[in-house]
Amino acid sequence: MLDRLYLPFLALAAAAAVALALVWPQGLGDRSPAPFGHTPVQRTAAVQAAMKREHEAAMQRTDQAREAVRNIQNQALAPSQ
């Protein structure tokens, strides 16, 4: 008798979970349909500019580290007199 109530409720809950998964925002990707959607944080101009600055700073640090390694290797191979 309990299965007559439990299994239809379980099927309804599963269908509701699938329907919710179709419209709920998935991570930080594209905007979901209204009423759930909002502009993702990464799409705002301020965050885009900050991400670009951070990337450029990281690239500059990487280039500096590579240059330092090159200098150390050059000094080890051909020491200055």
PDB file of N, CA and C in Angstrom:
ATOM      1  N   MET A   1       0.826  -1.192   0.000  1.00  0.00           N
ATOM      2  CA  MET A   1       0.000   0.000   0.000  1.00  0.00           C
ATOM      3  C   MET A   1       0.872   1.259   0.000  1.00  0.00           C
ATOM      4  N   LEU A   2       1.983   1.212   0.711  1.00  0.00           N
ATOM      5  CA  LEU A   2       2.854   2.367   0.777  1.00  0.00           C
ATOM      6  C   LEU A   2       3.473   2.665  -0.590  1.00  0.00           C
ATOM      7  N   ASP A   3       3.744   1.622  -1.385  1.00  0.00           N
ATOM      8  CA  ASP A   3       4.312   1.818  -2.711  1.00  0.00           C
ATOM      9  C   ASP A   3       3.376   2.607  -3.621  1.00  0.00           C
ATOM     10  N   ARG A   4       2.079   2.490  -3.421  1.00  0.00           N
ATOM     11  CA  ARG A   4       1.112   3.226  -4.242  1.00  0.00           C
ATOM     12  C   ARG A   4       1.251   4.730  -4.041  1.00  0.00           C
ATOM     13  N   LEU A   5       1.696   5.154  -2.901  1.00  0.00           N
ATOM     14  CA  LEU A   5       1.894   6.577  -2.629  1.00  0.00           C
ATOM     15  C   LEU A   5       3.330   7.000  -2.902  1.00  0.00           C
ATOM     16  N   TYR A   6       4.265   6.124  -2.552  1.00  0.00           N
ATOM     17  CA  TYR A   6       5.672   6.484  -2.628  1.00  0.00           C
ATOM     18  C   TYR A   6       6.169   6.577  -4.074  1.00  0.00           C
ATOM     19  N   LEU A   7       5.890   5.614  -4.896  1.00  0.00           N
ATOM     20  CA  LEU A   7       6.432   5.594  -6.257  1.00  0.00           C
ATOM     21  C   LEU A   7       5.898   6.728  -7.142  1.00  0.00           C
ATOM     22  N   PRO A   8       4.614   7.061  -7.119  1.00  0.00           N
ATOM     23  CA  PRO A   8       4.187   8.239  -7.897  1.00  0.00           C
ATOM     24  C   PRO A   8       4.813   9.537  -7.393  1.00  0.00           C
ATOM     25  N   PHE A   9       4.960   9.649  -6.067  1.00  0.00           N
ATOM     26  CA  PHE A   9       5.614  10.829  -5.522  1.00  0.00           C
ATOM     27  C   PHE A   9       7.078  10.877  -5.969  1.00  0.00           C
ATOM     28  N   LEU A  10       7.747   9.742  -5.983  1.00  0.00           N
ATOM     29  CA  LEU A  10       9.134   9.665  -6.423  1.00  0.00           C
ATOM     30  C   LEU A  10       9.254  10.038  -7.897  1.00  0.00           C
ATOM     31  N   ALA A  11       8.336   9.567  -8.727  1.00  0.00           N
ATOM     32  CA  ALA A  11       8.344   9.918 -10.149  1.00  0.00           C
ATOM     33  C   ALA A  11       8.098  11.410 -10.338  1.00  0.00           C
ATOM     34  N   LEU A  12       7.190  11.975  -9.593  1.00  0.00           N
ATOM     35  CA  LEU A  12       6.913  13.406  -9.662  1.00  0.00           C
ATOM     36  C   LEU A  12       8.140  14.217  -9.215  1.00  0.00           C
ATOM     37  N   ALA A  13       8.803  13.790  -8.159  1.00  0.00           N
ATOM     38  CA  ALA A  13       9.998  14.484  -7.685  1.00  0.00           C
ATOM     39  C   ALA A  13      11.121  14.402  -8.720  1.00  0.00           C
ATOM     40  N   ALA A  14      11.262  13.257  -9.374  1.00  0.00           N
ATOM     41  CA  ALA A  14      12.284  13.110 -10.407  1.00  0.00           C
ATOM     42  C   ALA A  14      11.983  14.023 -11.595  1.00  0.00           C
ATOM     43  N   ALA A  15      10.723  14.097 -12.009  1.00  0.00           N
ATOM     44  CA  ALA A  15      10.350  14.977 -13.112  1.00  0.00           C
ATOM     45  C   ALA A  15      10.573  16.442 -12.742  1.00  0.00           C
ATOM     46  N   ALA A  16      10.272  16.797 -11.502  1.00  0.00           N
ATOM     47  CA  ALA A  16      10.506  18.172 -11.055  1.00  0.00           C
ATOM     48  C   ALA A  16      11.995  18.490 -11.031  1.00  0.00           C
ATOM     49  N   ALA A  17      12.820  17.535 -10.629  1.00  0.00           N
ATOM     50  CA  ALA A  17      14.269  17.762 -10.602  1.00  0.00           C
ATOM     51  C   ALA A  17      14.808  17.960 -12.013  1.00  0.00           C
ATOM     52  N   VAL A  18      14.311  17.185 -12.969  1.00  0.00           N
ATOM     53  CA  VAL A  18      14.742  17.347 -14.367  1.00  0.00           C
ATOM     54  C   VAL A  18      14.288  18.694 -14.904  1.00  0.00           C
ATOM     55  N   ALA A  19      13.060  19.088 -14.625  1.00  0.00           N
ATOM     56  CA  ALA A  19      12.555  20.380 -15.100  1.00  0.00           C
ATOM     57  C   ALA A  19      13.358  21.531 -14.488  1.00  0.00           C
ATOM     58  N   LEU A  20      13.678  21.430 -13.231  1.00  0.00           N
ATOM     59  CA  LEU A  20      14.467  22.469 -12.576  1.00  0.00           C
ATOM     60  C   LEU A  20      15.879  22.530 -13.156  1.00  0.00           C
ATOM     61  N   ALA A  21      16.443  21.384 -13.481  1.00  0.00           N
ATOM     62  CA  ALA A  21      17.790  21.349 -14.059  1.00  0.00           C
ATOM     63  C   ALA A  21      17.823  21.999 -15.440  1.00  0.00           C
ATOM     64  N   LEU A  22      16.712  22.016 -16.131  1.00  0.00           N
ATOM     65  CA  LEU A  22      16.664  22.631 -17.458  1.00  0.00           C
ATOM     66  C   LEU A  22      16.730  24.154 -17.403  1.00  0.00           C
ATOM     67  N   VAL A  23      16.287  24.756 -16.293  1.00  0.00           N
ATOM     68  CA  VAL A  23      16.227  26.213 -16.229  1.00  0.00           C
ATOM     69  C   VAL A  23      17.129  26.828 -15.167  1.00  0.00           C
ATOM     70  N   TRP A  24      17.644  26.058 -14.241  1.00  0.00           N
ATOM     71  CA  TRP A  24      18.466  26.624 -13.168  1.00  0.00           C
ATOM     72  C   TRP A  24      19.859  26.940 -13.703  1.00  0.00           C
ATOM     73  N   PRO A  25      20.445  28.049 -13.275  1.00  0.00           N
ATOM     74  CA  PRO A  25      21.783  28.396 -13.764  1.00  0.00           C
ATOM     75  C   PRO A  25      22.795  27.302 -13.475  1.00  0.00           C
ATOM     76  N   GLN A  26      23.531  26.944 -14.490  1.00  0.00           N
ATOM     77  CA  GLN A  26      24.531  25.893 -14.360  1.00  0.00           C
ATOM     78  C   GLN A  26      25.900  26.531 -14.254  1.00  0.00           C
ATOM     79  N   GLY A  27      26.415  26.701 -13.092  1.00  0.00           N
ATOM     80  CA  GLY A  27      27.736  27.264 -12.909  1.00  0.00           C
ATOM     81  C   GLY A  27      27.788  28.722 -13.313  1.00  0.00           C
ATOM     82  N   LEU A  28      28.804  29.093 -14.067  1.00  0.00           N
ATOM     83  CA  LEU A  28      29.027  30.485 -14.419  1.00  0.00           C
ATOM     84  C   LEU A  28      28.942  30.685 -15.927  1.00  0.00           C
ATOM     85  N   GLY A  29      28.192  29.855 -16.608  1.00  0.00           N
ATOM     86  CA  GLY A  29      28.096  29.938 -18.057  1.00  0.00           C
ATOM     87  C   GLY A  29      27.080  30.960 -18.514  1.00  0.00           C
ATOM     88  N   ASP A  30      26.363  30.634 -19.572  1.00  0.00           N
ATOM     89  CA  ASP A  30      25.386  31.548 -20.143  1.00  0.00           C
ATOM     90  C   ASP A  30      24.203  31.747 -19.212  1.00  0.00           C
ATOM     91  N   ARG A  31      23.495  32.829 -19.488  1.00  0.00           N
ATOM     92  CA  ARG A  31      22.335  33.192 -18.679  1.00  0.00           C
ATOM     93  C   ARG A  31      21.216  32.170 -18.866  1.00  0.00           C
ATOM     94  N   SER A  32      20.565  31.833 -17.775  1.00  0.00           N
ATOM     95  CA  SER A  32      19.425  30.932 -17.818  1.00  0.00           C
ATOM     96  C   SER A  32      18.167  31.729 -18.138  1.00  0.00           C
ATOM     97  N   PRO A  33      17.124  31.046 -18.579  1.00  0.00           N
ATOM     98  CA  PRO A  33      15.877  31.749 -18.880  1.00  0.00           C
ATOM     99  C   PRO A  33      15.279  32.398 -17.628  1.00  0.00           C
ATOM    100  N   ALA A  34      14.500  33.461 -17.840  1.00  0.00           N
ATOM    101  CA  ALA A  34      13.815  34.114 -16.726  1.00  0.00           C
ATOM    102  C   ALA A  34      12.882  33.107 -16.079  1.00  0.00           C
ATOM    103  N   PRO A  35      12.588  33.177 -14.875  1.00  0.00           N
ATOM    104  CA  PRO A  35      12.881  34.078 -13.794  1.00  0.00           C
ATOM    105  C   PRO A  35      14.162  33.714 -13.036  1.00  0.00           C
ATOM    106  N   PHE A  36      14.880  32.684 -13.484  1.00  0.00           N
ATOM    107  CA  PHE A  36      16.058  32.230 -12.754  1.00  0.00           C
ATOM    108  C   PHE A  36      17.325  32.959 -13.174  1.00  0.00           C
ATOM    109  N   GLY A  37      17.353  33.469 -14.392  1.00  0.00           N
ATOM    110  CA  GLY A  37      18.588  33.972 -14.948  1.00  0.00           C
ATOM    111  C   GLY A  37      19.018  35.326 -14.410  1.00  0.00           C
ATOM    112  N   HIS A  38      20.311  35.553 -14.465  1.00  0.00           N
ATOM    113  CA  HIS A  38      20.913  36.843 -14.175  1.00  0.00           C
ATOM    114  C   HIS A  38      22.213  36.896 -14.950  1.00  0.00           C
ATOM    115  N   THR A  39      22.730  38.089 -15.144  1.00  0.00           N
ATOM    116  CA  THR A  39      23.966  38.241 -15.894  1.00  0.00           C
ATOM    117  C   THR A  39      25.105  37.604 -15.101  1.00  0.00           C
ATOM    118  N   PRO A  40      25.839  36.671 -15.701  1.00  0.00           N
ATOM    119  CA  PRO A  40      26.960  36.063 -14.981  1.00  0.00           C
ATOM    120  C   PRO A  40      28.000  37.117 -14.606  1.00  0.00           C
ATOM    121  N   VAL A  41      28.618  36.930 -13.480  1.00  0.00           N
ATOM    122  CA  VAL A  41      29.576  37.903 -12.957  1.00  0.00           C
ATOM    123  C   VAL A  41      30.722  38.109 -13.944  1.00  0.00           C
ATOM    124  N   GLN A  42      31.169  37.033 -14.601  1.00  0.00           N
ATOM    125  CA  GLN A  42      32.297  37.143 -15.508  1.00  0.00           C
ATOM    126  C   GLN A  42      31.994  37.953 -16.755  1.00  0.00           C
ATOM    127  N   ARG A  43      30.741  38.221 -17.016  1.00  0.00           N
ATOM    128  CA  ARG A  43      30.372  38.983 -18.209  1.00  0.00           C
ATOM    129  C   ARG A  43      30.341  40.484 -17.978  1.00  0.00           C
ATOM    130  N   THR A  44      30.450  40.927 -16.740  1.00  0.00           N
ATOM    131  CA  THR A  44      30.415  42.368 -16.476  1.00  0.00           C
ATOM    132  C   THR A  44      31.744  42.990 -16.904  1.00  0.00           C
ATOM    133  N   ALA A  45      31.679  44.245 -17.291  1.00  0.00           N
ATOM    134  CA  ALA A  45      32.868  44.927 -17.814  1.00  0.00           C
ATOM    135  C   ALA A  45      33.968  45.048 -16.763  1.00  0.00           C
ATOM    136  N   ALA A  46      33.585  45.327 -15.534  1.00  0.00           N
ATOM    137  CA  ALA A  46      34.592  45.499 -14.476  1.00  0.00           C
ATOM    138  C   ALA A  46      35.352  44.200 -14.230  1.00  0.00           C
ATOM    139  N   VAL A  47      34.646  43.095 -14.184  1.00  0.00           N
ATOM    140  CA  VAL A  47      35.301  41.810 -13.941  1.00  0.00           C
ATOM    141  C   VAL A  47      36.133  41.405 -15.151  1.00  0.00           C
ATOM    142  N   GLN A  48      35.645  41.694 -16.358  1.00  0.00           N
ATOM    143  CA  GLN A  48      36.425  41.391 -17.563  1.00  0.00           C
ATOM    144  C   GLN A  48      37.749  42.153 -17.540  1.00  0.00           C
ATOM    145  N   ALA A  49      37.694  43.427 -17.170  1.00  0.00           N
ATOM    146  CA  ALA A  49      38.919  44.237 -17.109  1.00  0.00           C
ATOM    147  C   ALA A  49      39.860  43.703 -16.028  1.00  0.00           C
ATOM    148  N   ALA A  50      39.318  43.324 -14.883  1.00  0.00           N
ATOM    149  CA  ALA A  50      40.155  42.786 -13.806  1.00  0.00           C
ATOM    150  C   ALA A  50      40.794  41.471 -14.221  1.00  0.00           C
ATOM    151  N   MET A  51      40.042  40.625 -14.906  1.00  0.00           N
ATOM    152  CA  MET A  51      40.596  39.358 -15.376  1.00  0.00           C
ATOM    153  C   MET A  51      41.709  39.596 -16.398  1.00  0.00           C
ATOM    154  N   LYS A  52      41.531  40.583 -17.258  1.00  0.00           N
ATOM    155  CA  LYS A  52      42.556  40.891 -18.250  1.00  0.00           C
ATOM    156  C   LYS A  52      43.820  41.412 -17.571  1.00  0.00           C
ATOM    157  N   ARG A  53      43.657  42.308 -16.572  1.00  0.00           N
ATOM    158  CA  ARG A  53      44.821  42.816 -15.834  1.00  0.00           C
ATOM    159  C   ARG A  53      45.550  41.687 -15.119  1.00  0.00           C
ATOM    160  N   GLU A  54      44.793  40.801 -14.509  1.00  0.00           N
ATOM    161  CA  GLU A  54      45.400  39.680 -13.794  1.00  0.00           C
ATOM    162  C   GLU A  54      46.160  38.768 -14.754  1.00  0.00           C
ATOM    163  N   HIS A  55      45.572  38.515 -15.908  1.00  0.00           N
ATOM    164  CA  HIS A  55      46.241  37.670 -16.906  1.00  0.00           C
ATOM    165  C   HIS A  55      47.527  38.324 -17.397  1.00  0.00           C
ATOM    166  N   GLU A  56      47.473  39.616 -17.688  1.00  0.00           N
ATOM    167  CA  GLU A  56      48.669  40.309 -18.165  1.00  0.00           C
ATOM    168  C   GLU A  56      49.761  40.337 -17.095  1.00  0.00           C
ATOM    169  N   ALA A  57      49.380  40.509 -15.835  1.00  0.00           N
ATOM    170  CA  ALA A  57      50.361  40.502 -14.755  1.00  0.00           C
ATOM    171  C   ALA A  57      50.985  39.114 -14.612  1.00  0.00           C
ATOM    172  N   ALA A  58      50.177  38.084 -14.739  1.00  0.00           N
ATOM    173  CA  ALA A  58      50.705  36.724 -14.647  1.00  0.00           C
ATOM    174  C   ALA A  58      51.663  36.437 -15.803  1.00  0.00           C
ATOM    175  N   MET A  59      51.322  36.907 -16.993  1.00  0.00           N
ATOM    176  CA  MET A  59      52.204  36.704 -18.148  1.00  0.00           C
ATOM    177  C   MET A  59      53.512  37.461 -17.944  1.00  0.00           C
ATOM    178  N   GLN A  60      53.454  38.647 -17.382  1.00  0.00           N
ATOM    179  CA  GLN A  60      54.665  39.430 -17.137  1.00  0.00           C
ATOM    180  C   GLN A  60      55.548  38.727 -16.101  1.00  0.00           C
ATOM    181  N   ARG A  61      54.937  38.194 -15.030  1.00  0.00           N
ATOM    182  CA  ARG A  61      55.720  37.462 -14.034  1.00  0.00           C
ATOM    183  C   ARG A  61      56.362  36.218 -14.641  1.00  0.00           C
ATOM    184  N   THR A  62      55.632  35.539 -15.518  1.00  0.00           N
ATOM    185  CA  THR A  62      56.183  34.355 -16.179  1.00  0.00           C
ATOM    186  C   THR A  62      57.360  34.731 -17.065  1.00  0.00           C
ATOM    187  N   ASP A  63      57.220  35.799 -17.820  1.00  0.00           N
ATOM    188  CA  ASP A  63      58.318  36.250 -18.683  1.00  0.00           C
ATOM    189  C   ASP A  63      59.536  36.653 -17.865  1.00  0.00           C
ATOM    190  N   GLN A  64      59.314  37.326 -16.734  1.00  0.00           N
ATOM    191  CA  GLN A  64      60.428  37.712 -15.872  1.00  0.00           C
ATOM    192  C   GLN A  64      61.129  36.491 -15.296  1.00  0.00           C
ATOM    193  N   ALA A  65      60.364  35.492 -14.904  1.00  0.00           N
ATOM    194  CA  ALA A  65      60.960  34.271 -14.356  1.00  0.00           C
ATOM    195  C   ALA A  65      61.762  33.544 -15.429  1.00  0.00           C
ATOM    196  N   ARG A  66      61.232  33.483 -16.638  1.00  0.00           N
ATOM    197  CA  ARG A  66      61.965  32.828 -17.721  1.00  0.00           C
ATOM    198  C   ARG A  66      63.252  33.573 -18.044  1.00  0.00           C
ATOM    199  N   GLU A  67      63.189  34.887 -18.039  1.00  0.00           N
ATOM    200  CA  GLU A  67      64.382  35.695 -18.305  1.00  0.00           C
ATOM    201  C   GLU A  67      65.422  35.484 -17.208  1.00  0.00           C
ATOM    202  N   ALA A  68      64.975  35.396 -15.962  1.00  0.00           N
ATOM    203  CA  ALA A  68      65.909  35.156 -14.864  1.00  0.00           C
ATOM    204  C   ALA A  68      66.575  33.790 -15.012  1.00  0.00           C
ATOM    205  N   VAL A  69      65.826  32.786 -15.388  1.00  0.00           N
ATOM    206  CA  VAL A  69      66.400  31.456 -15.592  1.00  0.00           C
ATOM    207  C   VAL A  69      67.392  31.488 -16.746  1.00  0.00           C
ATOM    208  N   ARG A  70      67.035  32.184 -17.831  1.00  0.00           N
ATOM    209  CA  ARG A  70      67.961  32.312 -18.962  1.00  0.00           C
ATOM    210  C   ARG A  70      69.263  32.972 -18.543  1.00  0.00           C
ATOM    211  N   ASN A  71      69.174  34.032 -17.753  1.00  0.00           N
ATOM    212  CA  ASN A  71      70.371  34.730 -17.281  1.00  0.00           C
ATOM    213  C   ASN A  71      71.235  33.822 -16.418  1.00  0.00           C
ATOM    214  N   ILE A  72      70.597  33.068 -15.532  1.00  0.00           N
ATOM    215  CA  ILE A  72      71.352  32.151 -14.673  1.00  0.00           C
ATOM    216  C   ILE A  72      72.037  31.080 -15.513  1.00  0.00           C
ATOM    217  N   GLN A  73      71.320  30.549 -16.504  1.00  0.00           N
ATOM    218  CA  GLN A  73      71.906  29.523 -17.355  1.00  0.00           C
ATOM    219  C   GLN A  73      73.056  30.096 -18.182  1.00  0.00           C
ATOM    220  N   ASN A  74      72.895  31.291 -18.690  1.00  0.00           N
ATOM    221  CA  ASN A  74      73.967  31.914 -19.481  1.00  0.00           C
ATOM    222  C   ASN A  74      75.189  32.163 -18.636  1.00  0.00           C
ATOM    223  N   GLN A  75      74.988  32.588 -17.393  1.00  0.00           N
ATOM    224  CA  GLN A  75      76.135  32.833 -16.502  1.00  0.00           C
ATOM    225  C   GLN A  75      76.824  31.516 -16.130  1.00  0.00           C
ATOM    226  N   ALA A  76      76.062  30.444 -16.019  1.00  0.00           N
ATOM    227  CA  ALA A  76      76.661  29.153 -15.688  1.00  0.00           C
ATOM    228  C   ALA A  76      77.453  28.609 -16.872  1.00  0.00           C
ATOM    229  N   LEU A  77      76.967  28.820 -18.085  1.00  0.00           N
ATOM    230  CA  LEU A  77      77.655  28.305 -19.270  1.00  0.00           C
ATOM    231  C   LEU A  77      78.851  29.162 -19.666  1.00  0.00           C
ATOM    232  N   ALA A  78      78.702  30.461 -19.571  1.00  0.00           N
ATOM    233  CA  ALA A  78      79.786  31.382 -19.955  1.00  0.00           C
ATOM    234  C   ALA A  78      79.925  32.433 -18.873  1.00  0.00           C
ATOM    235  N   PRO A  79      80.636  32.119 -17.798  1.00  0.00           N
ATOM    236  CA  PRO A  79      80.760  33.088 -16.708  1.00  0.00           C
ATOM    237  C   PRO A  79      81.485  34.335 -17.153  1.00  0.00           C
ATOM    238  N   SER A  80      81.069  35.446 -16.599  1.00  0.00           N
ATOM    239  CA  SER A  80      81.701  36.744 -16.908  1.00  0.00           C
ATOM    240  C   SER A  80      83.093  36.786 -16.310  1.00  0.00           C
ATOM    241  N   GLN A  81      83.982  37.546 -16.972  1.00  0.00           N
ATOM    242  CA  GLN A  81      85.359  37.595 -16.487  1.00  0.00           C
ATOM    243  C   GLN A  81      85.644  38.859 -15.769  1.00  0.00           C
TER     244      GLN A  81
END
